[in-house]
PDB file of N, CA and C in Angstrom:
ATOM      1  N   MET A   1      86.019 118.331  52.491  1.00  0.00           N
ATOM      2  CA  MET A   1      86.181 117.385  51.409  1.00  0.00           C
ATOM      3  C   MET A   1      84.863 116.665  51.170  1.00  0.00           C
ATOM      4  N   LYS A   2      84.472 116.590  49.963  1.00  0.00           N
ATOM      5  CA  LYS A   2      83.209 115.938  49.619  1.00  0.00           C
ATOM      6  C   LYS A   2      83.417 114.434  49.542  1.00  0.00           C
ATOM      7  N   ARG A   3      82.574 113.705  50.248  1.00  0.00           N
ATOM      8  CA  ARG A   3      82.630 112.250  50.213  1.00  0.00           C
ATOM      9  C   ARG A   3      81.715 111.758  49.097  1.00  0.00           C
ATOM     10  N   PRO A   4      82.003 110.567  48.562  1.00  0.00           N
ATOM     11  CA  PRO A   4      81.208 110.065  47.428  1.00  0.00           C
ATOM     12  C   PRO A   4      79.714 109.973  47.687  1.00  0.00           C
ATOM     13  N   ASN A   5      79.304 109.773  48.916  1.00  0.00           N
ATOM     14  CA  ASN A   5      77.869 109.607  49.179  1.00  0.00           C
ATOM     15  C   ASN A   5      77.212 110.880  49.707  1.00  0.00           C
ATOM     16  N   ASP A   6      77.922 112.011  49.678  1.00  0.00           N
ATOM     17  CA  ASP A   6      77.354 113.257  50.202  1.00  0.00           C
ATOM     18  C   ASP A   6      76.123 113.720  49.433  1.00  0.00           C
ATOM     19  N   ASN A   7      76.025 113.364  48.176  1.00  0.00           N
ATOM     20  CA  ASN A   7      74.881 113.830  47.397  1.00  0.00           C
ATOM     21  C   ASN A   7      73.739 112.813  47.370  1.00  0.00           C
ATOM     22  N   ILE A   8      73.878 111.725  48.132  1.00  0.00           N
ATOM     23  CA  ILE A   8      72.805 110.741  48.222  1.00  0.00           C
ATOM     24  C   ILE A   8      71.834 111.203  49.295  1.00  0.00           C
ATOM     25  N   GLN A   9      70.604 111.362  48.925  1.00  0.00           N
ATOM     26  CA  GLN A   9      69.609 111.852  49.868  1.00  0.00           C
ATOM     27  C   GLN A   9      68.813 110.692  50.431  1.00  0.00           C
ATOM     28  N   SER A  10      68.755 110.628  51.772  1.00  0.00           N
ATOM     29  CA  SER A  10      68.043 109.518  52.402  1.00  0.00           C
ATOM     30  C   SER A  10      66.537 109.747  52.442  1.00  0.00           C
ATOM     31  N   ASP A  11      66.075 110.940  52.078  1.00  0.00           N
ATOM     32  CA  ASP A  11      64.641 111.208  52.130  1.00  0.00           C
ATOM     33  C   ASP A  11      63.936 110.854  50.819  1.00  0.00           C
ATOM     34  N   ASN A  12      64.658 110.270  49.880  1.00  0.00           N
ATOM     35  CA  ASN A  12      64.063 109.860  48.609  1.00  0.00           C
ATOM     36  C   ASN A  12      63.697 108.380  48.640  1.00  0.00           C
ATOM     37  N   ARG A  13      63.186 107.934  49.738  1.00  0.00           N
ATOM     38  CA  ARG A  13      62.869 106.520  49.890  1.00  0.00           C
ATOM     39  C   ARG A  13      61.600 106.155  49.144  1.00  0.00           C
ATOM     40  N   LYS A  14      61.634 104.961  48.557  1.00  0.00           N
ATOM     41  CA  LYS A  14      60.449 104.430  47.896  1.00  0.00           C
ATOM     42  C   LYS A  14      59.590 103.742  48.938  1.00  0.00           C
ATOM     43  N   PRO A  15      58.309 103.605  48.665  1.00  0.00           N
ATOM     44  CA  PRO A  15      57.471 102.804  49.567  1.00  0.00           C
ATOM     45  C   PRO A  15      58.042 101.397  49.655  1.00  0.00           C
ATOM     46  N   GLU A  16      57.892 100.765  50.800  1.00  0.00           N
ATOM     47  CA  GLU A  16      58.484  99.451  51.025  1.00  0.00           C
ATOM     48  C   GLU A  16      58.105  98.440  49.953  1.00  0.00           C
ATOM     49  N   SER A  17      56.913  98.546  49.431  1.00  0.00           N
ATOM     50  CA  SER A  17      56.464  97.591  48.402  1.00  0.00           C
ATOM     51  C   SER A  17      57.241  97.747  47.094  1.00  0.00           C
ATOM     52  N   GLU A  18      57.888  98.907  46.872  1.00  0.00           N
ATOM     53  CA  GLU A  18      58.624  99.160  45.643  1.00  0.00           C
ATOM     54  C   GLU A  18      60.127  98.924  45.785  1.00  0.00           C
ATOM     55  N   VAL A  19      60.607  98.670  46.996  1.00  0.00           N
ATOM     56  CA  VAL A  19      62.037  98.512  47.232  1.00  0.00           C
ATOM     57  C   VAL A  19      62.473  97.106  46.838  1.00  0.00           C
ATOM     58  N   GLU A  20      63.610  97.035  46.138  1.00  0.00           N
ATOM     59  CA  GLU A  20      64.139  95.736  45.738  1.00  0.00           C
ATOM     60  C   GLU A  20      64.764  95.041  46.944  1.00  0.00           C
ATOM     61  N   SER A  21      64.731  93.735  46.938  1.00  0.00           N
ATOM     62  CA  SER A  21      65.328  92.965  48.031  1.00  0.00           C
ATOM     63  C   SER A  21      66.832  92.833  47.811  1.00  0.00           C
ATOM     64  N   VAL A  22      67.532  92.392  48.824  1.00  0.00           N
ATOM     65  CA  VAL A  22      68.960  92.136  48.711  1.00  0.00           C
ATOM     66  C   VAL A  22      69.214  91.100  47.624  1.00  0.00           C
ATOM     67  N   ASP A  23      68.357  90.099  47.555  1.00  0.00           N
ATOM     68  CA  ASP A  23      68.512  89.068  46.519  1.00  0.00           C
ATOM     69  C   ASP A  23      68.410  89.662  45.114  1.00  0.00           C
ATOM     70  N   ASP A  24      67.620  90.721  44.960  1.00  0.00           N
ATOM     71  CA  ASP A  24      67.506  91.378  43.662  1.00  0.00           C
ATOM     72  C   ASP A  24      68.686  92.322  43.389  1.00  0.00           C
ATOM     73  N   LEU A  25      69.124  93.009  44.434  1.00  0.00           N
ATOM     74  CA  LEU A  25      70.180  94.015  44.271  1.00  0.00           C
ATOM     75  C   LEU A  25      71.582  93.415  44.191  1.00  0.00           C
ATOM     76  N   ALA A  26      71.878  92.409  44.987  1.00  0.00           N
ATOM     77  CA  ALA A  26      73.233  91.860  45.070  1.00  0.00           C
ATOM     78  C   ALA A  26      73.816  91.459  43.711  1.00  0.00           C
ATOM     79  N   PRO A  27      73.063  90.794  42.845  1.00  0.00           N
ATOM     80  CA  PRO A  27      73.648  90.432  41.544  1.00  0.00           C
ATOM     81  C   PRO A  27      73.945  91.644  40.655  1.00  0.00           C
ATOM     82  N   LYS A  28      73.296  92.767  40.917  1.00  0.00           N
ATOM     83  CA  LYS A  28      73.510  93.972  40.106  1.00  0.00           C
ATOM     84  C   LYS A  28      74.777  94.711  40.517  1.00  0.00           C
ATOM     85  N   ALA A  29      75.158  94.625  41.781  1.00  0.00           N
ATOM     86  CA  ALA A  29      76.297  95.395  42.294  1.00  0.00           C
ATOM     87  C   ALA A  29      77.591  95.147  41.531  1.00  0.00           C
ATOM     88  N   PRO A  30      77.949  93.893  41.210  1.00  0.00           N
ATOM     89  CA  PRO A  30      79.203  93.668  40.469  1.00  0.00           C
ATOM     90  C   PRO A  30      79.226  94.298  39.081  1.00  0.00           C
ATOM     91  N   ARG A  31      78.066  94.610  38.557  1.00  0.00           N
ATOM     92  CA  ARG A  31      78.016  95.219  37.222  1.00  0.00           C
ATOM     93  C   ARG A  31      78.280  96.719  37.264  1.00  0.00           C
ATOM     94  N   LEU A  32      78.272  97.293  38.456  1.00  0.00           N
ATOM     95  CA  LEU A  32      78.595  98.713  38.598  1.00  0.00           C
ATOM     96  C   LEU A  32      80.092  98.910  38.413  1.00  0.00           C
ATOM     97  N   ASN A  33      80.475 100.108  37.955  1.00  0.00           N
ATOM     98  CA  ASN A  33      81.909 100.375  37.872  1.00  0.00           C
ATOM     99  C   ASN A  33      82.447 100.518  39.309  1.00  0.00           C
ATOM    100  N   PRO A  34      83.758 100.378  39.488  1.00  0.00           N
ATOM    101  CA  PRO A  34      84.319 100.377  40.842  1.00  0.00           C
ATOM    102  C   PRO A  34      83.942 101.595  41.691  1.00  0.00           C
ATOM    103  N   ILE A  35      83.920 102.766  41.109  1.00  0.00           N
ATOM    104  CA  ILE A  35      83.565 103.976  41.861  1.00  0.00           C
ATOM    105  C   ILE A  35      82.120 103.902  42.335  1.00  0.00           C
ATOM    106  N   GLU A  36      81.235 103.451  41.471  1.00  0.00           N
ATOM    107  CA  GLU A  36      79.823 103.336  41.846  1.00  0.00           C
ATOM    108  C   GLU A  36      79.626 102.273  42.936  1.00  0.00           C
ATOM    109  N   ARG A  37      80.390 101.192  42.878  1.00  0.00           N
ATOM    110  CA  ARG A  37      80.295 100.166  43.932  1.00  0.00           C
ATOM    111  C   ARG A  37      80.737 100.738  45.266  1.00  0.00           C
ATOM    112  N   ILE A  38      81.817 101.509  45.244  1.00  0.00           N
ATOM    113  CA  ILE A  38      82.287 102.145  46.486  1.00  0.00           C
ATOM    114  C   ILE A  38      81.220 103.095  47.012  1.00  0.00           C
ATOM    115  N   ARG A  39      80.625 103.882  46.123  1.00  0.00           N
ATOM    116  CA  ARG A  39      79.568 104.803  46.552  1.00  0.00           C
ATOM    117  C   ARG A  39      78.394 104.047  47.159  1.00  0.00           C
ATOM    118  N   LEU A  40      78.056 102.906  46.569  1.00  0.00           N
ATOM    119  CA  LEU A  40      76.966 102.084  47.089  1.00  0.00           C
ATOM    120  C   LEU A  40      77.293 101.582  48.493  1.00  0.00           C
ATOM    121  N   VAL A  41      78.493 101.056  48.683  1.00  0.00           N
ATOM    122  CA  VAL A  41      78.906 100.564  50.000  1.00  0.00           C
ATOM    123  C   VAL A  41      78.880 101.695  51.018  1.00  0.00           C
ATOM    124  N   GLU A  42      79.426 102.841  50.651  1.00  0.00           N
ATOM    125  CA  GLU A  42      79.442 103.981  51.572  1.00  0.00           C
ATOM    126  C   GLU A  42      78.027 104.429  51.910  1.00  0.00           C
ATOM    127  N   ALA A  43      77.144 104.424  50.937  1.00  0.00           N
ATOM    128  CA  ALA A  43      75.765 104.835  51.194  1.00  0.00           C
ATOM    129  C   ALA A  43      75.086 103.880  52.167  1.00  0.00           C
ATOM    130  N   VAL A  44      75.313 102.583  51.982  1.00  0.00           N
ATOM    131  CA  VAL A  44      74.720 101.600  52.889  1.00  0.00           C
ATOM    132  C   VAL A  44      75.291 101.771  54.287  1.00  0.00           C
ATOM    133  N   LEU A  45      76.618 101.884  54.395  1.00  0.00           N
ATOM    134  CA  LEU A  45      77.237 102.067  55.713  1.00  0.00           C
ATOM    135  C   LEU A  45      76.778 103.365  56.370  1.00  0.00           C
ATOM    136  N   HIS A  46      76.703 104.421  55.580  1.00  0.00           N
ATOM    137  CA  HIS A  46      76.269 105.718  56.115  1.00  0.00           C
ATOM    138  C   HIS A  46      74.828 105.631  56.640  1.00  0.00           C
ATOM    139  N   SER A  47      73.996 104.868  55.966  1.00  0.00           N
ATOM    140  CA  SER A  47      72.595 104.773  56.386  1.00  0.00           C
ATOM    141  C   SER A  47      72.437 103.999  57.689  1.00  0.00           C
ATOM    142  N   THR A  48      73.432 103.187  58.039  1.00  0.00           N
ATOM    143  CA  THR A  48      73.349 102.413  59.283  1.00  0.00           C
ATOM    144  C   THR A  48      74.130 103.047  60.410  1.00  0.00           C
ATOM    145  N   ASP A  49      74.890 104.087  60.127  1.00  0.00           N
ATOM    146  CA  ASP A  49      75.755 104.717  61.120  1.00  0.00           C
ATOM    147  C   ASP A  49      75.027 105.870  61.803  1.00  0.00           C
ATOM    148  N   LYS A  50      74.112 105.531  62.678  1.00  0.00           N
ATOM    149  CA  LYS A  50      73.347 106.545  63.396  1.00  0.00           C
ATOM    150  C   LYS A  50      73.896 106.673  64.817  1.00  0.00           C
ATOM    151  N   PRO A  51      74.244 107.880  65.240  1.00  0.00           N
ATOM    152  CA  PRO A  51      74.770 108.049  66.593  1.00  0.00           C
ATOM    153  C   PRO A  51      73.725 107.696  67.644  1.00  0.00           C
ATOM    154  N   ASP A  52      74.187 107.116  68.722  1.00  0.00           N
ATOM    155  CA  ASP A  52      73.324 106.764  69.844  1.00  0.00           C
ATOM    156  C   ASP A  52      73.689 107.690  71.000  1.00  0.00           C
ATOM    157  N   ASP A  53      72.820 108.651  71.299  1.00  0.00           N
ATOM    158  CA  ASP A  53      73.113 109.639  72.331  1.00  0.00           C
ATOM    159  C   ASP A  53      73.363 109.002  73.692  1.00  0.00           C
ATOM    160  N   GLU A  54      72.650 107.932  74.001  1.00  0.00           N
ATOM    161  CA  GLU A  54      72.832 107.281  75.303  1.00  0.00           C
ATOM    162  C   GLU A  54      74.245 106.699  75.428  1.00  0.00           C
ATOM    163  N   ILE A  55      74.713 106.046  74.375  1.00  0.00           N
ATOM    164  CA  ILE A  55      76.067 105.484  74.395  1.00  0.00           C
ATOM    165  C   ILE A  55      77.102 106.601  74.443  1.00  0.00           C
ATOM    166  N   GLU A  56      76.922 107.612  73.634  1.00  0.00           N
ATOM    167  CA  GLU A  56      77.877 108.726  73.608  1.00  0.00           C
ATOM    168  C   GLU A  56      77.943 109.421  74.971  1.00  0.00           C
ATOM    169  N   ASN A  57      76.796 109.677  75.584  1.00  0.00           N
ATOM    170  CA  ASN A  57      76.779 110.316  76.902  1.00  0.00           C
ATOM    171  C   ASN A  57      77.426 109.428  77.957  1.00  0.00           C
ATOM    172  N   SER A  58      77.227 108.129  77.852  1.00  0.00           N
ATOM    173  CA  SER A  58      77.859 107.184  78.775  1.00  0.00           C
ATOM    174  C   SER A  58      79.375 107.239  78.640  1.00  0.00           C
ATOM    175  N   ARG A  59      79.872 107.294  77.416  1.00  0.00           N
ATOM    176  CA  ARG A  59      81.323 107.388  77.188  1.00  0.00           C
ATOM    177  C   ARG A  59      81.884 108.683  77.755  1.00  0.00           C
ATOM    178  N   ILE A  60      81.164 109.762  77.563  1.00  0.00           N
ATOM    179  CA  ILE A  60      81.616 111.056  78.085  1.00  0.00           C
ATOM    180  C   ILE A  60      81.673 111.022  79.612  1.00  0.00           C
ATOM    181  N   ARG A  61      80.614 110.490  80.240  1.00  0.00           N
ATOM    182  CA  ARG A  61      80.600 110.385  81.716  1.00  0.00           C
ATOM    183  C   ARG A  61      81.769 109.544  82.215  1.00  0.00           C
ATOM    184  N   GLU A  62      81.992 108.408  81.567  1.00  0.00           N
ATOM    185  CA  GLU A  62      83.090 107.514  81.955  1.00  0.00           C
ATOM    186  C   GLU A  62      84.437 108.235  81.862  1.00  0.00           C
ATOM    187  N   ALA A  63      84.667 108.939  80.764  1.00  0.00           N
ATOM    188  CA  ALA A  63      85.930 109.664  80.581  1.00  0.00           C
ATOM    189  C   ALA A  63      86.087 110.749  81.643  1.00  0.00           C
ATOM    190  N   GLU A  64      85.016 111.482  81.920  1.00  0.00           N
ATOM    191  CA  GLU A  64      85.084 112.542  82.932  1.00  0.00           C
ATOM    192  C   GLU A  64      85.338 111.970  84.323  1.00  0.00           C
ATOM    193  N   GLU A  65      84.681 110.845  84.650  1.00  0.00           N
ATOM    194  CA  GLU A  65      84.887 110.215  85.957  1.00  0.00           C
ATOM    195  C   GLU A  65      86.308 109.711  86.101  1.00  0.00           C
ATOM    196  N   ARG A  66      86.864 109.114  85.051  1.00  0.00           N
ATOM    197  CA  ARG A  66      88.242 108.628  85.111  1.00  0.00           C
ATOM    198  C   ARG A  66      89.224 109.779  85.246  1.00  0.00           C
ATOM    199  N   TYR A  67      88.968 110.866  84.535  1.00  0.00           N
ATOM    200  CA  TYR A  67      89.858 112.029  84.624  1.00  0.00           C
ATOM    201  C   TYR A  67      89.829 112.614  86.033  1.00  0.00           C
ATOM    202  N   GLU A  68      88.653 112.748  86.613  1.00  0.00           N
ATOM    203  CA  GLU A  68      88.530 113.264  87.981  1.00  0.00           C
ATOM    204  C   GLU A  68      89.239 112.341  88.969  1.00  0.00           C
ATOM    205  N   ALA A  69      89.078 111.026  88.813  1.00  0.00           N
ATOM    206  CA  ALA A  69      89.747 110.065  89.694  1.00  0.00           C
ATOM    207  C   ALA A  69      91.261 110.181  89.548  1.00  0.00           C
ATOM    208  N   PHE A  70      91.735 110.373  88.333  1.00  0.00           N
ATOM    209  CA  PHE A  70      93.167 110.561  88.104  1.00  0.00           C
ATOM    210  C   PHE A  70      93.655 111.834  88.792  1.00  0.00           C
ATOM    211  N   LYS A  71      92.923 112.947  88.600  1.00  0.00           N
ATOM    212  CA  LYS A  71      93.321 114.218  89.221  1.00  0.00           C
ATOM    213  C   LYS A  71      93.327 114.118  90.741  1.00  0.00           C
ATOM    214  N   ASP A  72      92.398 113.352  91.317  1.00  0.00           N
ATOM    215  CA  ASP A  72      92.293 113.204  92.776  1.00  0.00           C
ATOM    216  C   ASP A  72      93.265 112.167  93.321  1.00  0.00           C
ATOM    217  N   GLY A  73      94.061 111.549  92.446  1.00  0.00           N
ATOM    218  CA  GLY A  73      95.031 110.556  92.890  1.00  0.00           C
ATOM    219  C   GLY A  73      94.433 109.185  93.155  1.00  0.00           C
ATOM    220  N   LYS A  74      93.204 108.967  92.761  1.00  0.00           N
ATOM    221  CA  LYS A  74      92.530 107.685  92.992  1.00  0.00           C
ATOM    222  C   LYS A  74      92.765 106.687  91.839  1.00  0.00           C
ATOM    223  N   LEU A  75      93.280 107.175  90.736  1.00  0.00           N
ATOM    224  CA  LEU A  75      93.525 106.331  89.571  1.00  0.00           C
ATOM    225  C   LEU A  75      94.955 106.579  89.112  1.00  0.00           C
ATOM    226  N   PRO A  76      95.834 105.615  89.362  1.00  0.00           N
ATOM    227  CA  PRO A  76      97.242 105.835  89.004  1.00  0.00           C
ATOM    228  C   PRO A  76      97.442 105.783  87.486  1.00  0.00           C
ATOM    229  N   ALA A  77      98.492 106.437  87.053  1.00  0.00           N
ATOM    230  CA  ALA A  77      98.859 106.421  85.637  1.00  0.00           C
ATOM    231  C   ALA A  77     100.036 105.477  85.461  1.00  0.00           C
ATOM    232  N   ASP A  78     100.023 104.715  84.399  1.00  0.00           N
ATOM    233  CA  ASP A  78     101.154 103.849  84.081  1.00  0.00           C
ATOM    234  C   ASP A  78     102.160 104.622  83.260  1.00  0.00           C
ATOM    235  N   GLU A  79     103.408 104.212  83.358  1.00  0.00           N
ATOM    236  CA  GLU A  79     104.462 104.852  82.570  1.00  0.00           C
ATOM    237  C   GLU A  79     104.273 104.514  81.093  1.00  0.00           C
ATOM    238  N   TRP A  80     104.649 105.451  80.228  1.00  0.00           N
ATOM    239  CA  TRP A  80     104.478 105.271  78.787  1.00  0.00           C
ATOM    240  C   TRP A  80     105.190 104.016  78.304  1.00  0.00           C
ATOM    241  N   GLY A  81     106.422 103.791  78.732  1.00  0.00           N
ATOM    242  CA  GLY A  81     107.183 102.629  78.296  1.00  0.00           C
ATOM    243  C   GLY A  81     106.482 101.325  78.649  1.00  0.00           C
ATOM    244  N   LYS A  82     105.902 101.269  79.839  1.00  0.00           N
ATOM    245  CA  LYS A  82     105.175 100.079  80.273  1.00  0.00           C
ATOM    246  C   LYS A  82     103.944  99.844  79.398  1.00  0.00           C
ATOM    247  N   MET A  83     103.210 100.901  79.109  1.00  0.00           N
ATOM    248  CA  MET A  83     102.011 100.786  78.281  1.00  0.00           C
ATOM    249  C   MET A  83     102.383 100.403  76.848  1.00  0.00           C
ATOM    250  N   LYS A  84     103.434 101.037  76.323  1.00  0.00           N
ATOM    251  CA  LYS A  84     103.856 100.738  74.951  1.00  0.00           C
ATOM    252  C   LYS A  84     104.259  99.274  74.838  1.00  0.00           C
ATOM    253  N   LYS A  85     105.005  98.781  75.805  1.00  0.00           N
ATOM    254  CA  LYS A  85     105.426  97.382  75.778  1.00  0.00           C
ATOM    255  C   LYS A  85     104.230  96.440  75.848  1.00  0.00           C
ATOM    256  N   LYS A  86     103.244  96.801  76.647  1.00  0.00           N
ATOM    257  CA  LYS A  86     102.057  95.962  76.813  1.00  0.00           C
ATOM    258  C   LYS A  86     101.284  95.807  75.504  1.00  0.00           C
ATOM    259  N   TYR A  87     101.205  96.886  74.728  1.00  0.00           N
ATOM    260  CA  TYR A  87     100.369  96.869  73.517  1.00  0.00           C
ATOM    261  C   TYR A  87     101.144  96.720  72.212  1.00  0.00           C
ATOM    262  N   ASP A  88     102.465  96.738  72.273  1.00  0.00           N
ATOM    263  CA  ASP A  88     103.266  96.497  71.046  1.00  0.00           C
ATOM    264  C   ASP A  88     103.104  95.049  70.629  1.00  0.00           C
ATOM    265  N   ARG A  89     103.057  94.847  69.339  1.00  0.00           N
ATOM    266  CA  ARG A  89     102.935  93.464  68.837  1.00  0.00           C
ATOM    267  C   ARG A  89     104.110  93.127  68.006  1.00  0.00           C
TER     268      ARG A  89
END
């Protein structure tokens, strides 16, 4: 499925001296049609969503260590009903 910002290329950056500031851009955003505003928001969010390999590898190690501890009987499992009750609101 094509996302609205899939055709936005991040390599078309202007030199920093030519880039408009937030103060310049913010008043223009409300004048965009709703679809264009959504595309703008998605493009900004997409540009800041860079994976961090160190964090991802840490999460993977943690999950693998917990799984091994569970398999070895060192980490008990709670019953589903108990967990559901704990997190139900």
